[in-house]
Amino acid sequence: MANYPCLYENSVTLKGRVGKPPVKRTLPRDSTAVCNFSVATSKVIKEKTYTEWHQIACYGALAEAVACGFDTGDFVYVKGEIRARDMQTAEGKANGWRPRKVIEIIAREAYPLIKNTRGQGDMSDDHGEPPPLLDPIDEAANGAADEFAPYV
């Protein structure tokens, strides 16, 4: 059987607004920077708006750049892959630990398209004149390795 290297692909591209300021932390085992944030995407079907929230994680130099460069309400571009993982969560001492499935986007590229200049948390769509597009924040441009982010 022939080898088909591009037969399967796990790729996601999102354009949406940052929900809360990114949270940056460091992994204890190897001091890798990790940044988590959420992005809202919306679409209108028959005059009704549907909003979907996506959990984003990024690692290394990209995490450092996102933590400094993203804020609530920024219109951003994120490209990465979907990852589903299982975790344990406590739901009351009587019930003990419960398994929970987490689905998140592991970002490979992320950059702001339009910064939120109207004030913290104001995510309305009456922009007036949009500011110019900003320079991209990319793992490759920041010297990060091409290998996938560590599974945590």
Protein backbone atom coordinates (compact mmCIF):
# COMPACT_ATOMS: atom_id res chain seq x y z
CA MET A 1 0.00 0.00 0.00
CA ALA A 2 1.33 3.47 -0.91
CA ASN A 3 2.18 6.03 1.74
CA TYR A 4 -0.26 8.99 1.72
CA PRO A 5 1.30 11.69 3.94
CA CYS A 6 -1.46 14.30 3.41
CA LEU A 7 -4.45 12.01 3.65
CA TYR A 8 -5.45 13.18 7.15
CA GLU A 9 -5.24 16.67 8.58
CA ASN A 10 -6.24 18.21 11.90
CA SER A 11 -6.43 21.93 11.20
CA VAL A 12 -8.62 24.73 12.55
CA THR A 13 -8.74 28.41 11.59
CA LEU A 14 -10.71 30.86 13.72
CA LYS A 15 -11.39 34.58 13.48
CA GLY A 16 -13.22 35.98 16.46
CA ARG A 17 -13.09 38.09 19.60
CA VAL A 18 -11.09 37.34 22.75
CA GLY A 19 -13.46 36.72 25.67
CA LYS A 20 -11.20 37.32 28.70
CA PRO A 21 -7.58 38.40 29.04
CA PRO A 22 -5.19 35.49 28.38
CA VAL A 23 -3.89 33.62 31.45
CA LYS A 24 -0.19 32.74 31.31
CA ARG A 25 1.50 30.12 33.47
CA THR A 26 4.64 28.00 33.39
CA LEU A 27 4.81 24.21 33.33
CA PRO A 28 6.80 23.03 36.38
CA ARG A 29 8.61 20.14 34.70
CA ASP A 30 10.38 22.08 31.93
CA SER A 31 9.50 25.78 32.47
CA THR A 32 7.53 25.97 29.20
CA ALA A 33 5.21 28.99 28.99
CA VAL A 34 1.52 28.14 28.51
CA CYS A 35 -1.22 30.64 27.71
CA ASN A 36 -4.96 29.92 27.79
CA PHE A 37 -7.75 32.16 26.49
CA SER A 38 -11.17 31.91 24.85
CA VAL A 39 -12.36 33.14 21.47
CA ALA A 40 -15.98 33.75 20.45
CA THR A 41 -17.03 33.21 16.85
CA SER A 42 -20.48 34.19 15.60
CA LYS A 43 -22.64 33.62 12.56
CA VAL A 44 -26.06 34.91 11.60
CA ILE A 45 -28.70 32.52 10.27
CA LYS A 46 -32.15 33.87 9.44
CA GLU A 47 -31.55 37.07 11.44
CA LYS A 48 -30.50 35.14 14.57
CA THR A 49 -26.91 35.28 15.84
CA TYR A 50 -25.27 32.07 17.02
CA THR A 51 -22.12 32.42 19.13
CA GLU A 52 -19.68 29.58 19.74
CA TRP A 53 -16.94 29.75 22.40
CA HIS A 54 -13.57 28.06 21.78
CA GLN A 55 -10.89 27.34 24.39
CA ILE A 56 -7.39 28.07 23.06
CA ALA A 57 -4.00 26.96 24.44
CA CYS A 58 -0.59 27.98 23.12
CA TYR A 59 2.94 27.14 24.23
CA GLY A 60 6.46 28.57 24.23
CA ALA A 61 7.27 31.84 22.50
CA LEU A 62 3.75 32.07 21.08
CA ALA A 63 2.32 31.90 24.63
CA GLU A 64 4.62 34.74 25.73
CA ALA A 65 3.58 36.90 22.76
CA VAL A 66 -0.14 36.20 23.15
CA ALA A 67 -0.06 36.97 26.90
CA CYS A 68 1.43 40.40 26.14
CA GLY A 69 -0.41 41.14 22.89
CA PHE A 70 -4.04 40.00 23.34
CA ASP A 71 -6.75 41.61 25.45
CA THR A 72 -10.51 41.34 25.93
CA GLY A 73 -12.45 42.30 22.81
CA ASP A 74 -9.54 42.09 20.35
CA PHE A 75 -10.51 40.62 16.98
CA VAL A 76 -7.96 37.84 16.46
CA TYR A 77 -6.87 35.15 14.01
CA VAL A 78 -5.94 31.72 15.42
CA LYS A 79 -4.73 28.70 13.48
CA GLY A 80 -4.00 25.35 15.10
CA GLU A 81 -5.35 21.87 15.74
CA ILE A 82 -8.16 20.36 17.81
CA ARG A 83 -7.19 18.26 20.78
CA ALA A 84 -9.53 16.28 23.02
CA ARG A 85 -8.22 15.09 26.37
CA ASP A 86 -9.64 13.54 29.51
CA MET A 87 -9.22 15.07 32.94
CA GLN A 88 -10.50 14.44 36.43
CA THR A 89 -12.53 17.02 38.33
CA ALA A 90 -13.91 17.00 41.86
CA GLU A 91 -17.69 17.41 42.11
CA GLY A 92 -18.33 17.22 45.82
CA LYS A 93 -16.57 15.11 48.40
CA ALA A 94 -19.36 12.52 48.49
CA ASN A 95 -19.22 11.89 44.74
CA GLY A 96 -15.43 11.80 44.49
CA TRP A 97 -13.62 12.43 41.21
CA ARG A 98 -15.49 12.53 37.92
CA PRO A 99 -13.98 12.16 34.44
CA ARG A 100 -14.44 15.09 32.08
CA LYS A 101 -13.57 15.51 28.40
CA VAL A 102 -11.94 18.81 27.41
CA ILE A 103 -11.83 19.96 23.79
CA GLU A 104 -9.43 22.79 23.01
CA ILE A 105 -7.56 24.36 20.12
CA ILE A 106 -3.76 24.15 20.31
CA ALA A 107 -2.63 27.33 18.54
CA ARG A 108 0.29 27.26 16.09
CA GLU A 109 -0.30 30.83 14.84
CA ALA A 110 -2.13 33.69 16.51
CA TYR A 111 -2.25 37.40 15.89
CA PRO A 112 -4.58 40.33 16.50
CA LEU A 113 -6.39 41.66 13.45
CA ILE A 114 -8.06 44.64 15.15
CA LYS A 115 -7.23 45.79 18.66
CA ASN A 116 -10.13 46.71 20.94
CA THR A 117 -9.69 50.46 21.42
CA ARG A 118 -13.15 51.23 22.82
CA GLY A 119 -12.53 50.12 26.39
CA GLN A 120 -12.24 46.96 28.40
CA GLY A 121 -14.92 44.40 27.58
CA ASP A 122 -16.82 46.47 25.00
CA MET A 123 -17.32 43.97 22.18
CA SER A 124 -20.06 45.75 20.19
CA ASP A 125 -19.82 45.88 16.41
CA ASP A 126 -20.10 49.67 15.91
CA HIS A 127 -16.43 50.22 15.15
CA GLY A 128 -16.47 53.41 13.15
CA GLU A 129 -13.04 53.58 11.48
CA PRO A 130 -11.02 50.39 12.17
CA PRO A 131 -7.34 50.71 13.09
CA PRO A 132 -4.74 49.30 10.67
CA LEU A 133 -3.93 45.58 10.71
CA LEU A 134 -1.15 44.55 13.06
CA ASP A 135 1.97 42.41 12.60
CA PRO A 136 1.46 38.64 13.08
CA ILE A 137 2.57 36.72 16.15
CA ASP A 138 3.80 33.34 14.93
CA GLU A 139 5.69 30.45 16.56
CA ALA A 140 8.13 30.19 13.66
CA ALA A 141 8.85 33.92 13.67
CA ASN A 142 9.58 33.83 17.40
CA GLY A 143 12.09 30.98 17.13
CA ALA A 144 9.89 28.25 18.62
CA ALA A 145 10.46 24.63 17.69
CA ASP A 146 8.35 23.00 14.98
CA GLU A 147 7.40 20.11 17.24
CA PHE A 148 3.92 19.89 18.70
CA ALA A 149 3.11 21.36 22.08
CA PRO A 150 3.59 19.04 25.05
CA TYR A 151 0.59 17.03 26.20
CA VAL A 152 -0.28 18.11 29.71
